[in-house]
Amino acid sequence: MKTGMNLLLWTTHVTQEHFPLFGKLKKAGFDGAELPLFGGDAAHYKTIRKQLDDNGLACTTVTTMTPDHNPITPD
């Protein structure tokens, strides 16, 4: 089994200031990080991906939908 840490614990938008967390997560025994996807562009996430790779961490993502965009109806 692999384990990952959801970075929403620290932020809703991962930036360079959060990069030191990656090494700490790996050292703590985590296999990956779950990134919140609420903003940013492809270049931003490529930079983050490189940092994750450099620290030996896999990547998954998380996001949310507002009620206005939710495809599920009460029916």
N, C-alpha and C. Protein backbone atom coordinates (compact mmCIF):
# COMPACT_ATOMS: atom_id res chain seq x y z
N MET A 1 0.85 -1.18 0.00
CA MET A 1 0.00 0.00 0.00
C MET A 1 0.89 1.24 0.00
N LYS A 2 0.46 2.24 -0.74
CA LYS A 2 1.18 3.51 -0.78
C LYS A 2 0.35 4.56 -0.06
N THR A 3 1.03 5.53 0.52
CA THR A 3 0.34 6.60 1.23
C THR A 3 0.77 7.96 0.69
N GLY A 4 -0.17 8.88 0.69
CA GLY A 4 0.11 10.24 0.24
C GLY A 4 -0.46 11.23 1.24
N MET A 5 0.07 12.43 1.22
CA MET A 5 -0.40 13.49 2.11
C MET A 5 -1.12 14.55 1.28
N ASN A 6 -2.31 14.93 1.72
CA ASN A 6 -3.08 15.98 1.06
C ASN A 6 -2.51 17.33 1.49
N LEU A 7 -2.04 18.11 0.55
CA LEU A 7 -1.41 19.39 0.85
C LEU A 7 -2.41 20.47 1.26
N LEU A 8 -3.70 20.15 1.23
CA LEU A 8 -4.69 21.09 1.77
C LEU A 8 -4.47 21.32 3.26
N LEU A 9 -3.72 20.46 3.88
CA LEU A 9 -3.37 20.66 5.28
C LEU A 9 -2.61 21.98 5.46
N TRP A 10 -1.87 22.38 4.41
CA TRP A 10 -1.06 23.59 4.48
C TRP A 10 -1.58 24.74 3.63
N THR A 11 -2.19 24.42 2.48
CA THR A 11 -2.52 25.48 1.53
C THR A 11 -3.56 25.03 0.51
N THR A 12 -4.21 25.99 -0.13
CA THR A 12 -5.08 25.69 -1.26
C THR A 12 -4.37 25.92 -2.59
N HIS A 13 -3.15 26.48 -2.54
CA HIS A 13 -2.38 26.75 -3.75
C HIS A 13 -0.90 26.54 -3.44
N VAL A 14 -0.35 25.43 -3.90
CA VAL A 14 1.05 25.10 -3.65
C VAL A 14 1.95 26.02 -4.45
N THR A 15 2.94 26.61 -3.76
CA THR A 15 3.92 27.49 -4.40
C THR A 15 5.32 27.07 -3.95
N GLN A 16 6.32 27.79 -4.40
CA GLN A 16 7.70 27.48 -4.04
C GLN A 16 7.92 27.47 -2.54
N GLU A 17 7.18 28.26 -1.80
CA GLU A 17 7.38 28.27 -0.35
C GLU A 17 7.03 26.93 0.28
N HIS A 18 6.26 26.11 -0.42
CA HIS A 18 5.87 24.80 0.12
C HIS A 18 6.81 23.68 -0.30
N PHE A 19 7.74 23.95 -1.21
CA PHE A 19 8.64 22.92 -1.71
C PHE A 19 9.43 22.22 -0.60
N PRO A 20 9.86 22.90 0.47
CA PRO A 20 10.57 22.20 1.53
C PRO A 20 9.73 21.09 2.20
N LEU A 21 8.41 21.19 2.10
CA LEU A 21 7.55 20.14 2.66
C LEU A 21 7.77 18.80 1.97
N PHE A 22 8.11 18.83 0.68
CA PHE A 22 8.22 17.59 -0.07
C PHE A 22 9.27 16.66 0.51
N GLY A 23 10.43 17.19 0.81
CA GLY A 23 11.47 16.36 1.41
C GLY A 23 11.07 15.84 2.78
N LYS A 24 10.37 16.68 3.54
CA LYS A 24 9.91 16.27 4.86
C LYS A 24 8.87 15.16 4.77
N LEU A 25 7.99 15.26 3.78
CA LEU A 25 6.99 14.21 3.59
C LEU A 25 7.65 12.89 3.21
N LYS A 26 8.61 12.95 2.31
CA LYS A 26 9.33 11.74 1.92
C LYS A 26 10.06 11.13 3.11
N LYS A 27 10.72 11.98 3.88
CA LYS A 27 11.45 11.50 5.06
C LYS A 27 10.50 10.88 6.09
N ALA A 28 9.28 11.40 6.16
CA ALA A 28 8.29 10.87 7.10
C ALA A 28 7.68 9.55 6.61
N GLY A 29 8.02 9.16 5.38
CA GLY A 29 7.56 7.87 4.88
C GLY A 29 6.42 7.92 3.87
N PHE A 30 6.02 9.10 3.46
CA PHE A 30 4.95 9.20 2.47
C PHE A 30 5.48 8.89 1.07
N ASP A 31 4.62 8.30 0.25
CA ASP A 31 4.98 7.95 -1.13
C ASP A 31 4.58 9.02 -2.13
N GLY A 32 3.69 9.91 -1.73
CA GLY A 32 3.22 10.91 -2.67
C GLY A 32 2.55 12.08 -1.97
N ALA A 33 2.13 13.04 -2.79
CA ALA A 33 1.43 14.22 -2.30
C ALA A 33 0.19 14.42 -3.15
N GLU A 34 -0.88 14.89 -2.52
CA GLU A 34 -2.12 15.21 -3.22
C GLU A 34 -2.22 16.73 -3.33
N LEU A 35 -2.20 17.23 -4.56
CA LEU A 35 -2.18 18.67 -4.81
C LEU A 35 -3.59 19.22 -5.01
N PRO A 36 -3.92 20.32 -4.34
CA PRO A 36 -5.18 20.99 -4.63
C PRO A 36 -5.08 21.73 -5.96
N LEU A 37 -6.08 21.58 -6.80
CA LEU A 37 -6.10 22.25 -8.11
C LEU A 37 -7.22 23.28 -8.14
N PHE A 38 -6.92 24.46 -7.65
CA PHE A 38 -7.91 25.53 -7.64
C PHE A 38 -7.48 26.71 -8.50
N GLY A 39 -6.25 26.72 -8.96
CA GLY A 39 -5.74 27.81 -9.78
C GLY A 39 -4.36 27.45 -10.29
N GLY A 40 -3.84 28.26 -11.17
CA GLY A 40 -2.51 28.00 -11.72
C GLY A 40 -2.61 27.53 -13.15
N ASP A 41 -1.48 27.53 -13.83
CA ASP A 41 -1.45 27.11 -15.22
C ASP A 41 -0.51 25.92 -15.38
N ALA A 42 -0.38 25.43 -16.60
CA ALA A 42 0.44 24.24 -16.85
C ALA A 42 1.89 24.44 -16.42
N ALA A 43 2.45 25.60 -16.68
CA ALA A 43 3.84 25.87 -16.29
C ALA A 43 4.02 25.79 -14.77
N HIS A 44 3.05 26.32 -14.05
CA HIS A 44 3.10 26.28 -12.58
C HIS A 44 3.14 24.83 -12.09
N TYR A 45 2.27 24.00 -12.63
CA TYR A 45 2.20 22.62 -12.16
C TYR A 45 3.37 21.77 -12.66
N LYS A 46 3.97 22.13 -13.79
CA LYS A 46 5.18 21.43 -14.24
C LYS A 46 6.33 21.68 -13.26
N THR A 47 6.42 22.91 -12.74
CA THR A 47 7.45 23.23 -11.75
C THR A 47 7.25 22.39 -10.49
N ILE A 48 6.02 22.30 -10.05
CA ILE A 48 5.72 21.50 -8.86
C ILE A 48 6.03 20.04 -9.12
N ARG A 49 5.64 19.53 -10.28
CA ARG A 49 5.89 18.13 -10.61
C ARG A 49 7.38 17.81 -10.58
N LYS A 50 8.20 18.72 -11.09
CA LYS A 50 9.65 18.49 -11.06
C LYS A 50 10.13 18.38 -9.62
N GLN A 51 9.65 19.23 -8.75
CA GLN A 51 10.05 19.18 -7.34
C GLN A 51 9.60 17.87 -6.69
N LEU A 52 8.40 17.43 -7.02
CA LEU A 52 7.92 16.15 -6.49
C LEU A 52 8.81 15.01 -6.98
N ASP A 53 9.11 15.01 -8.28
CA ASP A 53 9.99 13.99 -8.85
C ASP A 53 11.36 14.01 -8.19
N ASP A 54 11.91 15.20 -8.00
CA ASP A 54 13.23 15.33 -7.37
C ASP A 54 13.24 14.78 -5.95
N ASN A 55 12.08 14.76 -5.31
CA ASN A 55 11.97 14.24 -3.95
C ASN A 55 11.43 12.82 -3.89
N GLY A 56 11.24 12.20 -5.06
CA GLY A 56 10.79 10.82 -5.11
C GLY A 56 9.34 10.63 -4.68
N LEU A 57 8.50 11.64 -4.93
CA LEU A 57 7.10 11.56 -4.54
C LEU A 57 6.19 11.44 -5.76
N ALA A 58 5.20 10.57 -5.66
CA ALA A 58 4.15 10.48 -6.67
C ALA A 58 3.19 11.64 -6.47
N CYS A 59 2.25 11.79 -7.40
CA CYS A 59 1.33 12.92 -7.33
C CYS A 59 -0.09 12.49 -7.68
N THR A 60 -1.03 12.94 -6.86
CA THR A 60 -2.45 12.87 -7.18
C THR A 60 -3.01 14.27 -6.97
N THR A 61 -4.27 14.48 -7.31
CA THR A 61 -4.85 15.81 -7.19
C THR A 61 -6.21 15.78 -6.52
N VAL A 62 -6.65 16.94 -6.08
CA VAL A 62 -7.98 17.10 -5.49
C VAL A 62 -8.51 18.47 -5.90
N THR A 63 -9.81 18.53 -6.12
CA THR A 63 -10.47 19.80 -6.40
C THR A 63 -11.91 19.70 -5.90
N THR A 64 -12.67 20.74 -6.05
CA THR A 64 -14.07 20.73 -5.63
C THR A 64 -14.94 21.36 -6.71
N MET A 65 -16.23 21.15 -6.59
CA MET A 65 -17.19 21.81 -7.48
C MET A 65 -18.16 22.61 -6.64
N THR A 66 -18.45 23.80 -7.12
CA THR A 66 -19.46 24.60 -6.44
C THR A 66 -20.84 24.02 -6.74
N PRO A 67 -21.83 24.32 -5.94
CA PRO A 67 -23.18 23.80 -6.22
C PRO A 67 -23.69 24.16 -7.62
N ASP A 68 -23.28 25.32 -8.14
CA ASP A 68 -23.71 25.72 -9.48
C ASP A 68 -23.15 24.84 -10.59
N HIS A 69 -22.02 24.19 -10.33
CA HIS A 69 -21.37 23.37 -11.35
C HIS A 69 -21.47 21.88 -11.06
N ASN A 70 -22.15 21.51 -10.01
CA ASN A 70 -22.27 20.12 -9.61
C ASN A 70 -23.19 19.38 -10.60
N PRO A 71 -22.69 18.31 -11.25
CA PRO A 71 -23.52 17.60 -12.23
C PRO A 71 -24.56 16.67 -11.59
N ILE A 72 -24.51 16.49 -10.29
CA ILE A 72 -25.44 15.59 -9.60
C ILE A 72 -26.64 16.40 -9.09
N THR A 73 -27.82 15.92 -9.41
CA THR A 73 -29.03 16.60 -8.96
C THR A 73 -29.67 15.81 -7.82
N PRO A 74 -30.48 16.46 -7.01
CA PRO A 74 -31.19 15.74 -5.94
C PRO A 74 -32.13 14.66 -6.48
N ASP A 75 -32.52 14.76 -7.77
CA ASP A 75 -33.40 13.78 -8.38
C ASP A 75 -32.67 12.48 -8.61
